[in-house]
Amino acid sequence: MILLDGEKSLYLHILEILIPHLRSGAVVLGDDTKQFKKTLAPYVAYMQNPKNGFQSISLSLGEGVEYSVRL
């Protein structure tokens, strides 16, 4: 499991570094997706595109959480 809750502009970059180490079924949580909607739009779009190997849904928990599972 990965919890992304640091510098918002680095979510996608950090994820790209970690993807080779993720097994099928790994969970990735991206925090604050509603609060930083514009900054995190590329991250959310990437996670919600099935071509990138994840199944993802936006949750209305707190300031928003993108809940993603590696396929």
PDB file of N, CA and C in Angstrom:
ATOM      1  N   MET A   1       0.838  -1.174   0.000  1.00  0.00           N
ATOM      2  CA  MET A   1       0.000   0.000   0.000  1.00  0.00           C
ATOM      3  C   MET A   1       0.886   1.241   0.000  1.00  0.00           C
ATOM      4  N   ILE A   2       0.456   2.221  -0.777  1.00  0.00           N
ATOM      5  CA  ILE A   2       1.142   3.514  -0.822  1.00  0.00           C
ATOM      6  C   ILE A   2       0.134   4.588  -0.436  1.00  0.00           C
ATOM      7  N   LEU A   3       0.550   5.489   0.442  1.00  0.00           N
ATOM      8  CA  LEU A   3      -0.254   6.660   0.787  1.00  0.00           C
ATOM      9  C   LEU A   3       0.512   7.887   0.324  1.00  0.00           C
ATOM     10  N   LEU A   4      -0.052   8.590  -0.670  1.00  0.00           N
ATOM     11  CA  LEU A   4       0.545   9.826  -1.166  1.00  0.00           C
ATOM     12  C   LEU A   4      -0.136  10.994  -0.462  1.00  0.00           C
ATOM     13  N   ASP A   5       0.619  11.697   0.381  1.00  0.00           N
ATOM     14  CA  ASP A   5       0.065  12.803   1.149  1.00  0.00           C
ATOM     15  C   ASP A   5       1.153  13.828   1.451  1.00  0.00           C
ATOM     16  N   GLY A   6       1.960  14.118   0.457  1.00  0.00           N
ATOM     17  CA  GLY A   6       3.027  15.099   0.629  1.00  0.00           C
ATOM     18  C   GLY A   6       2.842  16.211  -0.387  1.00  0.00           C
ATOM     19  N   GLU A   7       3.920  16.583  -1.030  1.00  0.00           N
ATOM     20  CA  GLU A   7       3.894  17.625  -2.060  1.00  0.00           C
ATOM     21  C   GLU A   7       3.009  17.152  -3.218  1.00  0.00           C
ATOM     22  N   LYS A   8       1.909  17.847  -3.418  1.00  0.00           N
ATOM     23  CA  LYS A   8       0.889  17.418  -4.380  1.00  0.00           C
ATOM     24  C   LYS A   8       1.418  17.332  -5.809  1.00  0.00           C
ATOM     25  N   SER A   9       2.289  18.249  -6.190  1.00  0.00           N
ATOM     26  CA  SER A   9       2.804  18.249  -7.561  1.00  0.00           C
ATOM     27  C   SER A   9       3.732  17.069  -7.832  1.00  0.00           C
ATOM     28  N   LEU A  10       4.110  16.327  -6.806  1.00  0.00           N
ATOM     29  CA  LEU A  10       5.010  15.182  -6.983  1.00  0.00           C
ATOM     30  C   LEU A  10       4.309  13.828  -6.958  1.00  0.00           C
ATOM     31  N   TYR A  11       3.011  13.797  -6.722  1.00  0.00           N
ATOM     32  CA  TYR A  11       2.292  12.506  -6.636  1.00  0.00           C
ATOM     33  C   TYR A  11       2.599  11.612  -7.836  1.00  0.00           C
ATOM     34  N   LEU A  12       2.428  12.134  -9.025  1.00  0.00           N
ATOM     35  CA  LEU A  12       2.590  11.322 -10.238  1.00  0.00           C
ATOM     36  C   LEU A  12       4.045  10.894 -10.402  1.00  0.00           C
ATOM     37  N   HIS A  13       4.962  11.780 -10.142  1.00  0.00           N
ATOM     38  CA  HIS A  13       6.386  11.442 -10.257  1.00  0.00           C
ATOM     39  C   HIS A  13       6.762  10.341  -9.263  1.00  0.00           C
ATOM     40  N   ILE A  14       6.324  10.473  -8.029  1.00  0.00           N
ATOM     41  CA  ILE A  14       6.612   9.457  -7.013  1.00  0.00           C
ATOM     42  C   ILE A  14       6.001   8.120  -7.417  1.00  0.00           C
ATOM     43  N   LEU A  15       4.773   8.170  -7.902  1.00  0.00           N
ATOM     44  CA  LEU A  15       4.109   6.936  -8.336  1.00  0.00           C
ATOM     45  C   LEU A  15       4.895   6.253  -9.450  1.00  0.00           C
ATOM     46  N   GLU A  16       5.357   7.017 -10.429  1.00  0.00           N
ATOM     47  CA  GLU A  16       6.119   6.441 -11.543  1.00  0.00           C
ATOM     48  C   GLU A  16       7.382   5.733 -11.057  1.00  0.00           C
ATOM     49  N   ILE A  17       8.002   6.255 -10.019  1.00  0.00           N
ATOM     50  CA  ILE A  17       9.191   5.610  -9.439  1.00  0.00           C
ATOM     51  C   ILE A  17       8.815   4.292  -8.757  1.00  0.00           C
ATOM     52  N   LEU A  18       7.649   4.261  -8.114  1.00  0.00           N
ATOM     53  CA  LEU A  18       7.253   3.090  -7.324  1.00  0.00           C
ATOM     54  C   LEU A  18       6.536   2.003  -8.119  1.00  0.00           C
ATOM     55  N   ILE A  19       5.948   2.334  -9.271  1.00  0.00           N
ATOM     56  CA  ILE A  19       5.160   1.360 -10.042  1.00  0.00           C
ATOM     57  C   ILE A  19       5.913   0.050 -10.300  1.00  0.00           C
ATOM     58  N   PRO A  20       7.186   0.071 -10.679  1.00  0.00           N
ATOM     59  CA  PRO A  20       7.869  -1.209 -10.927  1.00  0.00           C
ATOM     60  C   PRO A  20       7.923  -2.139  -9.712  1.00  0.00           C
ATOM     61  N   HIS A  21       7.692  -1.592  -8.535  1.00  0.00           N
ATOM     62  CA  HIS A  21       7.766  -2.381  -7.305  1.00  0.00           C
ATOM     63  C   HIS A  21       6.394  -2.819  -6.785  1.00  0.00           C
ATOM     64  N   LEU A  22       5.330  -2.460  -7.499  1.00  0.00           N
ATOM     65  CA  LEU A  22       3.971  -2.789  -7.060  1.00  0.00           C
ATOM     66  C   LEU A  22       3.496  -4.102  -7.649  1.00  0.00           C
ATOM     67  N   ARG A  23       2.932  -4.927  -6.814  1.00  0.00           N
ATOM     68  CA  ARG A  23       2.323  -6.174  -7.276  1.00  0.00           C
ATOM     69  C   ARG A  23       0.868  -5.921  -7.634  1.00  0.00           C
ATOM     70  N   SER A  24       0.291  -6.838  -8.363  1.00  0.00           N
ATOM     71  CA  SER A  24      -1.142  -6.805  -8.649  1.00  0.00           C
ATOM     72  C   SER A  24      -1.895  -6.832  -7.323  1.00  0.00           C
ATOM     73  N   GLY A  25      -2.872  -5.966  -7.180  1.00  0.00           N
ATOM     74  CA  GLY A  25      -3.645  -5.884  -5.951  1.00  0.00           C
ATOM     75  C   GLY A  25      -3.151  -4.821  -4.983  1.00  0.00           C
ATOM     76  N   ALA A  26      -2.002  -4.220  -5.284  1.00  0.00           N
ATOM     77  CA  ALA A  26      -1.481  -3.149  -4.411  1.00  0.00           C
ATOM     78  C   ALA A  26      -2.441  -1.963  -4.431  1.00  0.00           C
ATOM     79  N   VAL A  27      -2.605  -1.333  -3.288  1.00  0.00           N
ATOM     80  CA  VAL A  27      -3.508  -0.191  -3.140  1.00  0.00           C
ATOM     81  C   VAL A  27      -2.681   1.096  -3.089  1.00  0.00           C
ATOM     82  N   VAL A  28      -3.163   2.100  -3.816  1.00  0.00           N
ATOM     83  CA  VAL A  28      -2.541   3.423  -3.789  1.00  0.00           C
ATOM     84  C   VAL A  28      -3.611   4.432  -3.383  1.00  0.00           C
ATOM     85  N   LEU A  29      -3.330   5.204  -2.345  1.00  0.00           N
ATOM     86  CA  LEU A  29      -4.248   6.240  -1.881  1.00  0.00           C
ATOM     87  C   LEU A  29      -3.612   7.602  -2.133  1.00  0.00           C
ATOM     88  N   GLY A  30      -4.303   8.431  -2.887  1.00  0.00           N
ATOM     89  CA  GLY A  30      -3.856   9.803  -3.112  1.00  0.00           C
ATOM     90  C   GLY A  30      -4.753  10.728  -2.316  1.00  0.00           C
ATOM     91  N   ASP A  31      -4.202  11.422  -1.335  1.00  0.00           N
ATOM     92  CA  ASP A  31      -4.990  12.243  -0.423  1.00  0.00           C
ATOM     93  C   ASP A  31      -5.178  13.667  -0.954  1.00  0.00           C
ATOM     94  N   ASP A  32      -6.238  14.322  -0.491  1.00  0.00           N
ATOM     95  CA  ASP A  32      -6.534  15.736  -0.752  1.00  0.00           C
ATOM     96  C   ASP A  32      -6.895  16.047  -2.201  1.00  0.00           C
ATOM     97  N   THR A  33      -7.537  15.120  -2.884  1.00  0.00           N
ATOM     98  CA  THR A  33      -7.845  15.319  -4.298  1.00  0.00           C
ATOM     99  C   THR A  33      -8.928  16.356  -4.550  1.00  0.00           C
ATOM    100  N   LYS A  34      -9.790  16.611  -3.582  1.00  0.00           N
ATOM    101  CA  LYS A  34     -10.790  17.685  -3.740  1.00  0.00           C
ATOM    102  C   LYS A  34     -10.184  19.038  -3.393  1.00  0.00           C
ATOM    103  N   GLN A  35      -9.396  19.080  -2.350  1.00  0.00           N
ATOM    104  CA  GLN A  35      -8.804  20.336  -1.901  1.00  0.00           C
ATOM    105  C   GLN A  35      -7.809  20.889  -2.929  1.00  0.00           C
ATOM    106  N   PHE A  36      -7.059  20.017  -3.586  1.00  0.00           N
ATOM    107  CA  PHE A  36      -6.059  20.419  -4.579  1.00  0.00           C
ATOM    108  C   PHE A  36      -6.442  19.880  -5.955  1.00  0.00           C
ATOM    109  N   LYS A  37      -7.690  20.077  -6.326  1.00  0.00           N
ATOM    110  CA  LYS A  37      -8.255  19.500  -7.549  1.00  0.00           C
ATOM    111  C   LYS A  37      -7.433  19.836  -8.795  1.00  0.00           C
ATOM    112  N   LYS A  38      -7.067  21.094  -8.958  1.00  0.00           N
ATOM    113  CA  LYS A  38      -6.330  21.511 -10.164  1.00  0.00           C
ATOM    114  C   LYS A  38      -4.927  20.894 -10.192  1.00  0.00           C
ATOM    115  N   THR A  39      -4.220  20.955  -9.088  1.00  0.00           N
ATOM    116  CA  THR A  39      -2.858  20.425  -9.016  1.00  0.00           C
ATOM    117  C   THR A  39      -2.835  18.917  -9.209  1.00  0.00           C
ATOM    118  N   LEU A  40      -3.831  18.216  -8.665  1.00  0.00           N
ATOM    119  CA  LEU A  40      -3.855  16.749  -8.732  1.00  0.00           C
ATOM    120  C   LEU A  40      -4.624  16.195  -9.928  1.00  0.00           C
ATOM    121  N   ALA A  41      -5.150  17.061 -10.784  1.00  0.00           N
ATOM    122  CA  ALA A  41      -5.903  16.595 -11.962  1.00  0.00           C
ATOM    123  C   ALA A  41      -5.093  15.624 -12.827  1.00  0.00           C
ATOM    124  N   PRO A  42      -3.809  15.885 -13.135  1.00  0.00           N
ATOM    125  CA  PRO A  42      -3.045  14.913 -13.935  1.00  0.00           C
ATOM    126  C   PRO A  42      -2.888  13.558 -13.231  1.00  0.00           C
ATOM    127  N   TYR A  43      -2.692  13.587 -11.922  1.00  0.00           N
ATOM    128  CA  TYR A  43      -2.572  12.338 -11.155  1.00  0.00           C
ATOM    129  C   TYR A  43      -3.875  11.539 -11.220  1.00  0.00           C
ATOM    130  N   VAL A  44      -4.993  12.207 -10.955  1.00  0.00           N
ATOM    131  CA  VAL A  44      -6.298  11.528 -10.977  1.00  0.00           C
ATOM    132  C   VAL A  44      -6.594  10.983 -12.372  1.00  0.00           C
ATOM    133  N   ALA A  45      -6.325  11.767 -13.405  1.00  0.00           N
ATOM    134  CA  ALA A  45      -6.559  11.312 -14.781  1.00  0.00           C
ATOM    135  C   ALA A  45      -5.718  10.077 -15.095  1.00  0.00           C
ATOM    136  N   TYR A  46      -4.474  10.072 -14.656  1.00  0.00           N
ATOM    137  CA  TYR A  46      -3.593   8.924 -14.876  1.00  0.00           C
ATOM    138  C   TYR A  46      -4.144   7.684 -14.188  1.00  0.00           C
ATOM    139  N   MET A  47      -4.533   7.833 -12.931  1.00  0.00           N
ATOM    140  CA  MET A  47      -5.014   6.682 -12.168  1.00  0.00           C
ATOM    141  C   MET A  47      -6.333   6.152 -12.704  1.00  0.00           C
ATOM    142  N   GLN A  48      -7.171   7.012 -13.260  1.00  0.00           N
ATOM    143  CA  GLN A  48      -8.480   6.589 -13.754  1.00  0.00           C
ATOM    144  C   GLN A  48      -8.438   6.073 -15.189  1.00  0.00           C
ATOM    145  N   ASN A  49      -7.288   6.150 -15.834  1.00  0.00           N
ATOM    146  CA  ASN A  49      -7.140   5.612 -17.185  1.00  0.00           C
ATOM    147  C   ASN A  49      -6.719   4.142 -17.074  1.00  0.00           C
ATOM    148  N   PRO A  50      -7.586   3.205 -17.432  1.00  0.00           N
ATOM    149  CA  PRO A  50      -7.265   1.778 -17.261  1.00  0.00           C
ATOM    150  C   PRO A  50      -6.033   1.330 -18.052  1.00  0.00           C
ATOM    151  N   LYS A  51      -5.645   2.083 -19.067  1.00  0.00           N
ATOM    152  CA  LYS A  51      -4.443   1.735 -19.836  1.00  0.00           C
ATOM    153  C   LYS A  51      -3.182   1.815 -18.985  1.00  0.00           C
ATOM    154  N   ASN A  52      -3.264   2.504 -17.851  1.00  0.00           N
ATOM    155  CA  ASN A  52      -2.100   2.664 -16.982  1.00  0.00           C
ATOM    156  C   ASN A  52      -1.987   1.579 -15.914  1.00  0.00           C
ATOM    157  N   GLY A  53      -2.908   0.613 -15.940  1.00  0.00           N
ATOM    158  CA  GLY A  53      -2.776  -0.548 -15.056  1.00  0.00           C
ATOM    159  C   GLY A  53      -3.406  -0.418 -13.683  1.00  0.00           C
ATOM    160  N   PHE A  54      -4.328   0.534 -13.536  1.00  0.00           N
ATOM    161  CA  PHE A  54      -5.007   0.708 -12.252  1.00  0.00           C
ATOM    162  C   PHE A  54      -6.512   0.772 -12.462  1.00  0.00           C
ATOM    163  N   GLN A  55      -7.241   0.358 -11.446  1.00  0.00           N
ATOM    164  CA  GLN A  55      -8.670   0.632 -11.366  1.00  0.00           C
ATOM    165  C   GLN A  55      -8.818   1.607 -10.209  1.00  0.00           C
ATOM    166  N   SER A  56      -9.534   2.718 -10.447  1.00  0.00           N
ATOM    167  CA  SER A  56      -9.504   3.801  -9.487  1.00  0.00           C
ATOM    168  C   SER A  56     -10.864   4.461  -9.344  1.00  0.00           C
ATOM    169  N   ILE A  57     -11.108   4.988  -8.141  1.00  0.00           N
ATOM    170  CA  ILE A  57     -12.349   5.700  -7.864  1.00  0.00           C
ATOM    171  C   ILE A  57     -12.045   6.855  -6.905  1.00  0.00           C
ATOM    172  N   SER A  58     -12.722   7.967  -7.120  1.00  0.00           N
ATOM    173  CA  SER A  58     -12.591   9.120  -6.227  1.00  0.00           C
ATOM    174  C   SER A  58     -13.579   8.967  -5.077  1.00  0.00           C
ATOM    175  N   LEU A  59     -13.084   9.096  -3.863  1.00  0.00           N
ATOM    176  CA  LEU A  59     -13.917   8.984  -2.670  1.00  0.00           C
ATOM    177  C   LEU A  59     -14.054  10.345  -2.005  1.00  0.00           C
ATOM    178  N   SER A  60     -15.221  10.611  -1.467  1.00  0.00           N
ATOM    179  CA  SER A  60     -15.476  11.878  -0.776  1.00  0.00           C
ATOM    180  C   SER A  60     -15.199  11.740   0.713  1.00  0.00           C
ATOM    181  N   LEU A  61     -14.004  11.367   1.037  1.00  0.00           N
ATOM    182  CA  LEU A  61     -13.566  11.256   2.430  1.00  0.00           C
ATOM    183  C   LEU A  61     -12.695  12.468   2.738  1.00  0.00           C
ATOM    184  N   GLY A  62     -13.030  13.215   3.758  1.00  0.00           N
ATOM    185  CA  GLY A  62     -12.234  14.390   4.107  1.00  0.00           C
ATOM    186  C   GLY A  62     -12.141  15.349   2.938  1.00  0.00           C
ATOM    187  N   GLU A  63     -10.912  15.644   2.528  1.00  0.00           N
ATOM    188  CA  GLU A  63     -10.677  16.552   1.398  1.00  0.00           C
ATOM    189  C   GLU A  63     -10.531  15.807   0.077  1.00  0.00           C
ATOM    190  N   GLY A  64     -10.979  14.556   0.045  1.00  0.00           N
ATOM    191  CA  GLY A  64     -10.953  13.745  -1.162  1.00  0.00           C
ATOM    192  C   GLY A  64      -9.815  12.759  -1.153  1.00  0.00           C
ATOM    193  N   VAL A  65     -10.102  11.538  -1.596  1.00  0.00           N
ATOM    194  CA  VAL A  65      -9.099  10.472  -1.679  1.00  0.00           C
ATOM    195  C   VAL A  65      -9.315   9.738  -3.000  1.00  0.00           C
ATOM    196  N   GLU A  66      -8.237   9.536  -3.740  1.00  0.00           N
ATOM    197  CA  GLU A  66      -8.285   8.691  -4.932  1.00  0.00           C
ATOM    198  C   GLU A  66      -7.825   7.311  -4.494  1.00  0.00           C
ATOM    199  N   TYR A  67      -8.742   6.327  -4.564  1.00  0.00           N
ATOM    200  CA  TYR A  67      -8.475   4.950  -4.134  1.00  0.00           C
ATOM    201  C   TYR A  67      -8.222   4.132  -5.391  1.00  0.00           C
ATOM    202  N   SER A  68      -7.024   3.594  -5.505  1.00  0.00           N
ATOM    203  CA  SER A  68      -6.625   2.892  -6.732  1.00  0.00           C
ATOM    204  C   SER A  68      -6.048   1.532  -6.397  1.00  0.00           C
ATOM    205  N   VAL A  69      -6.309   0.564  -7.285  1.00  0.00           N
ATOM    206  CA  VAL A  69      -5.786  -0.790  -7.127  1.00  0.00           C
ATOM    207  C   VAL A  69      -5.031  -1.164  -8.395  1.00  0.00           C
ATOM    208  N   ARG A  70      -3.812  -1.669  -8.225  1.00  0.00           N
ATOM    209  CA  ARG A  70      -2.979  -2.117  -9.347  1.00  0.00           C
ATOM    210  C   ARG A  70      -3.578  -3.396  -9.916  1.00  0.00           C
ATOM    211  N   LEU A  71      -3.793  -3.418 -11.207  1.00  0.00           N
ATOM    212  CA  LEU A  71      -4.368  -4.601 -11.871  1.00  0.00           C
ATOM    213  C   LEU A  71      -3.295  -5.614 -12.221  1.00  0.00           C
TER     214      LEU A  71
END
